[in-house]
N, C-alpha and C. Protein backbone atom coordinates (compact mmCIF):
# COMPACT_ATOMS: atom_id res chain seq x y z
N MET A 1 -4.30 13.95 4.22
CA MET A 1 -3.76 13.58 3.08
C MET A 1 -4.77 14.41 2.41
N ALA A 2 -4.06 14.42 0.70
CA ALA A 2 -5.19 15.38 -0.36
C ALA A 2 -4.55 14.49 -1.81
N LYS A 3 -5.64 14.67 -2.86
CA LYS A 3 -5.50 13.83 -4.15
C LYS A 3 -6.24 15.12 -4.93
N ASN A 4 -5.12 15.63 -5.57
CA ASN A 4 -6.04 16.84 -6.78
C ASN A 4 -6.52 18.16 -5.43
N GLY A 5 -5.88 18.36 -4.60
CA GLY A 5 -6.44 19.41 -3.85
C GLY A 5 -7.57 19.31 -2.76
N GLU A 6 -8.33 17.65 -2.85
CA GLU A 6 -9.58 17.27 -2.35
C GLU A 6 -9.01 16.28 -1.27
N GLN A 7 -9.58 16.75 0.30
CA GLN A 7 -8.78 15.91 0.92
C GLN A 7 -9.06 14.02 1.48
N ILE A 8 -8.45 13.20 1.55
CA ILE A 8 -8.42 11.87 1.81
C ILE A 8 -8.79 11.40 3.19
N ALA A 9 -9.76 10.98 3.61
CA ALA A 9 -9.86 10.32 4.84
C ALA A 9 -9.57 9.01 4.67
N LEU A 10 -8.88 8.64 5.24
CA LEU A 10 -7.86 7.00 5.23
C LEU A 10 -8.83 6.31 6.75
N THR A 11 -9.11 5.09 6.69
CA THR A 11 -9.26 4.82 7.80
C THR A 11 -8.03 3.98 8.58
N THR A 12 -7.78 3.68 10.08
CA THR A 12 -6.46 3.45 11.03
C THR A 12 -5.60 2.27 10.01
N GLY A 13 -6.38 1.35 9.42
CA GLY A 13 -5.60 0.57 8.83
C GLY A 13 -5.09 0.90 7.51
N GLU A 14 -5.59 1.51 6.93
CA GLU A 14 -5.30 2.17 5.60
C GLU A 14 -4.07 2.83 6.07
N PHE A 15 -4.22 4.16 6.99
CA PHE A 15 -3.04 4.71 7.30
C PHE A 15 -1.74 4.13 7.42
N SER A 16 -1.95 2.52 8.70
CA SER A 16 -0.88 1.91 9.18
C SER A 16 -0.23 1.30 7.71
N MET A 17 -1.06 0.80 7.01
CA MET A 17 -0.20 0.13 5.68
C MET A 17 0.29 1.13 4.75
N LEU A 18 -0.56 2.17 4.54
CA LEU A 18 0.45 3.54 3.74
C LEU A 18 1.77 4.03 4.49
N LYS A 19 1.54 3.84 5.64
CA LYS A 19 2.68 4.59 6.33
C LYS A 19 3.81 3.52 6.17
N ALA A 20 3.58 2.43 6.63
CA ALA A 20 4.48 1.16 6.70
C ALA A 20 5.42 1.06 5.04
N LEU A 21 4.35 1.51 4.07
CA LEU A 21 5.25 1.42 2.25
C LEU A 21 6.29 2.71 2.21
N VAL A 22 5.48 3.65 2.89
CA VAL A 22 6.09 4.99 2.67
C VAL A 22 7.33 4.92 3.27
N ARG A 23 7.37 3.92 4.72
CA ARG A 23 8.54 4.31 5.04
C ARG A 23 9.65 3.60 4.75
N HIS A 24 9.63 2.68 3.84
CA HIS A 24 10.43 1.92 2.73
C HIS A 24 10.30 2.07 1.73
N PRO A 25 10.62 3.53 0.93
CA PRO A 25 10.42 3.33 -0.43
C PRO A 25 11.34 2.82 -1.62
N ARG A 26 10.62 2.59 -2.27
CA ARG A 26 11.74 2.07 -3.84
C ARG A 26 11.95 0.15 -3.06
N GLN A 27 11.95 -0.23 -2.02
CA GLN A 27 12.13 -1.05 -1.59
C GLN A 27 10.91 -2.72 -1.27
N PRO A 28 10.88 -3.44 -2.16
CA PRO A 28 10.06 -4.18 -1.90
C PRO A 28 9.99 -4.39 -0.19
N VAL A 29 8.87 -4.68 -0.27
CA VAL A 29 7.82 -4.95 1.29
C VAL A 29 7.33 -6.71 1.24
N SER A 30 7.59 -7.61 1.69
CA SER A 30 7.04 -8.70 1.52
C SER A 30 5.53 -8.68 2.28
N ARG A 31 4.40 -9.66 1.86
CA ARG A 31 3.37 -9.40 2.78
C ARG A 31 3.24 -9.76 3.96
N ASP A 32 4.29 -10.67 4.13
CA ASP A 32 4.54 -10.96 5.73
C ASP A 32 4.73 -9.68 6.63
N LYS A 33 6.06 -9.23 6.27
CA LYS A 33 6.54 -7.88 6.66
C LYS A 33 5.44 -6.71 6.94
N LEU A 34 4.82 -6.56 5.53
CA LEU A 34 3.97 -5.53 5.77
C LEU A 34 2.59 -5.98 6.80
N ALA A 35 2.33 -6.72 7.10
CA ALA A 35 1.10 -7.27 7.87
C ALA A 35 2.09 -7.37 9.16
N GLN A 36 2.93 -7.35 9.60
CA GLN A 36 3.80 -7.00 10.76
C GLN A 36 3.75 -5.70 10.74
N LEU A 37 4.31 -4.88 9.93
CA LEU A 37 4.36 -3.29 9.98
C LEU A 37 3.40 -2.73 10.42
N ALA A 38 2.37 -2.89 9.29
CA ALA A 38 0.81 -2.23 9.69
C ALA A 38 0.13 -3.03 10.57
N ARG A 39 0.19 -4.02 11.05
CA ARG A 39 -0.71 -4.40 12.13
C ARG A 39 -0.41 -5.26 13.22
N GLY A 40 1.02 -5.34 12.93
CA GLY A 40 1.70 -6.17 14.23
C GLY A 40 1.08 -7.55 14.39
N ARG A 41 0.86 -8.19 13.10
CA ARG A 41 0.86 -9.67 13.50
C ARG A 41 1.43 -10.74 12.32
N GLU A 42 1.43 -12.03 12.24
CA GLU A 42 1.67 -12.56 11.06
C GLU A 42 0.68 -12.24 10.00
N PHE A 43 1.04 -12.47 9.01
CA PHE A 43 0.01 -12.48 7.62
C PHE A 43 -0.53 -14.02 7.79
N GLU A 44 -1.85 -14.03 7.52
CA GLU A 44 -2.16 -15.75 7.18
C GLU A 44 -2.49 -15.80 5.89
N PRO A 45 -1.86 -16.92 5.00
CA PRO A 45 -1.89 -16.58 4.03
C PRO A 45 -3.16 -16.52 2.74
N PHE A 46 -3.98 -17.37 3.66
CA PHE A 46 -5.65 -16.78 2.98
C PHE A 46 -6.48 -15.62 3.29
N ASP A 47 -5.86 -14.79 4.32
CA ASP A 47 -6.67 -13.43 4.74
C ASP A 47 -6.20 -12.62 3.54
N ARG A 48 -7.08 -12.22 2.56
CA ARG A 48 -7.43 -11.19 1.64
C ARG A 48 -7.34 -9.81 2.53
N SER A 49 -7.82 -9.40 3.10
CA SER A 49 -7.76 -8.30 3.71
C SER A 49 -6.69 -7.20 3.47
N LEU A 50 -5.26 -7.67 3.09
CA LEU A 50 -4.30 -6.72 2.97
C LEU A 50 -4.52 -6.35 1.57
N ASP A 51 -4.82 -6.81 1.09
CA ASP A 51 -4.92 -7.20 -0.97
C ASP A 51 -6.09 -5.62 -0.94
N VAL A 52 -7.42 -6.17 -0.08
CA VAL A 52 -8.68 -5.06 -0.23
C VAL A 52 -7.89 -3.93 0.56
N GLN A 53 -6.89 -3.49 1.26
CA GLN A 53 -6.40 -2.28 1.96
C GLN A 53 -5.79 -1.87 0.69
N ILE A 54 -4.77 -2.48 0.38
CA ILE A 54 -4.02 -1.89 -1.06
C ILE A 54 -4.78 -1.35 -2.01
N SER A 55 -5.83 -2.06 -2.39
CA SER A 55 -6.82 -1.72 -3.04
C SER A 55 -7.57 -0.73 -3.01
N ARG A 56 -7.98 -0.30 -1.90
CA ARG A 56 -8.77 1.11 -1.57
C ARG A 56 -7.81 2.25 -1.47
N LEU A 57 -6.22 1.63 -1.17
CA LEU A 57 -5.37 2.77 -0.97
C LEU A 57 -4.93 3.25 -2.31
N ARG A 58 -4.85 2.21 -3.52
CA ARG A 58 -4.69 2.81 -4.82
C ARG A 58 -6.02 3.45 -5.53
N LYS A 59 -7.11 3.27 -5.34
CA LYS A 59 -8.51 3.59 -5.53
C LYS A 59 -8.30 5.37 -4.96
N MET A 60 -7.70 5.47 -3.99
CA MET A 60 -7.74 6.90 -3.17
C MET A 60 -6.31 7.72 -3.67
N ILE A 61 -5.30 7.32 -4.03
CA ILE A 61 -3.83 7.92 -4.24
C ILE A 61 -3.42 7.93 -5.37
N GLU A 62 -3.98 6.79 -6.65
CA GLU A 62 -3.26 6.59 -7.71
C GLU A 62 -4.50 7.52 -8.99
N PRO A 63 -3.41 7.87 -9.70
CA PRO A 63 -4.51 8.71 -11.02
C PRO A 63 -5.09 7.46 -11.72
N ASP A 64 -4.71 6.27 -11.93
CA ASP A 64 -4.85 4.99 -12.75
C ASP A 64 -4.96 4.09 -11.70
N PRO A 65 -6.17 3.67 -11.02
CA PRO A 65 -5.66 2.32 -9.98
C PRO A 65 -5.42 1.09 -10.94
N ALA A 66 -5.96 0.66 -11.80
CA ALA A 66 -5.85 0.03 -12.78
C ALA A 66 -4.05 -0.21 -13.43
N GLN A 67 -3.71 0.95 -13.02
CA GLN A 67 -2.17 0.90 -13.62
C GLN A 67 -1.67 1.78 -12.60
N PRO A 68 -1.33 1.19 -11.27
CA PRO A 68 -0.37 1.54 -10.44
C PRO A 68 0.84 2.01 -10.47
N ARG A 69 1.10 3.18 -10.11
CA ARG A 69 2.23 3.85 -10.23
C ARG A 69 3.21 4.39 -8.79
N TYR A 70 2.46 4.53 -7.87
CA TYR A 70 2.90 4.73 -6.37
C TYR A 70 2.70 3.59 -5.69
N ILE A 71 1.94 2.69 -5.49
CA ILE A 71 1.89 0.97 -4.74
C ILE A 71 1.86 0.12 -6.14
N GLN A 72 3.02 -0.67 -6.05
CA GLN A 72 3.40 -1.09 -7.20
C GLN A 72 3.42 -2.58 -6.92
N THR A 73 2.61 -3.77 -7.21
CA THR A 73 3.01 -5.06 -7.01
C THR A 73 4.51 -5.67 -7.33
N VAL A 74 4.85 -6.33 -6.35
CA VAL A 74 6.04 -6.61 -6.74
C VAL A 74 5.85 -8.51 -6.84
N TRP A 75 5.51 -8.93 -7.96
CA TRP A 75 5.26 -10.45 -7.92
C TRP A 75 5.93 -11.56 -7.46
N GLY A 76 5.05 -12.37 -6.37
CA GLY A 76 6.29 -13.21 -5.95
C GLY A 76 7.02 -12.70 -4.56
N VAL A 77 6.48 -11.64 -4.17
CA VAL A 77 7.30 -10.69 -2.96
C VAL A 77 6.05 -10.15 -2.18
N GLY A 78 5.64 -8.84 -2.60
CA GLY A 78 4.78 -8.19 -2.01
C GLY A 78 4.37 -7.12 -2.70
N TYR A 79 4.62 -5.50 -2.04
CA TYR A 79 4.56 -4.53 -2.76
C TYR A 79 5.94 -3.58 -2.62
N VAL A 80 5.93 -2.34 -3.79
CA VAL A 80 6.57 -1.34 -3.22
C VAL A 80 5.98 -0.38 -3.28
N PHE A 81 6.60 1.15 -2.72
CA PHE A 81 6.04 2.20 -2.33
C PHE A 81 7.22 2.93 -3.74
N VAL A 82 6.79 3.87 -4.85
CA VAL A 82 7.45 4.26 -5.12
C VAL A 82 6.92 5.92 -5.59
N PRO A 83 7.67 7.11 -4.64
CA PRO A 83 7.05 8.23 -4.49
C PRO A 83 6.92 9.06 -5.48
N ASP A 84 7.57 8.87 -6.90
CA ASP A 84 7.68 9.62 -8.12
C ASP A 84 6.94 9.00 -9.23
N GLY A 85 6.31 8.12 -8.72
CA GLY A 85 5.40 7.24 -10.05
C GLY A 85 6.20 6.69 -10.64
N ALA A 86 7.50 6.52 -10.64
CA ALA A 86 8.54 6.21 -11.80
C ALA A 86 8.33 4.44 -11.81
N ALA A 87 8.80 3.95 -12.80
CA ALA A 87 8.94 1.84 -12.37
C ALA A 87 10.06 1.94 -12.02
């Protein structure tokens, strides 16, 4: 994977998370479903590791991680991958 011509190294967990989102473009994926797809296990409500991985992915792929275009939060649901960065 590359950003601005520079190779980006992803951990296995980050890759699994990104793959789960990319396979469902423009479809909001719940936190439970994302944990199941990326990790093969149930989501624990107080487990923040999912949020940490999303944050790391945003820092790697987003032009401005504070205003994400590609991995967007769907409040009360989870996350959605927007391939073209449109709202």
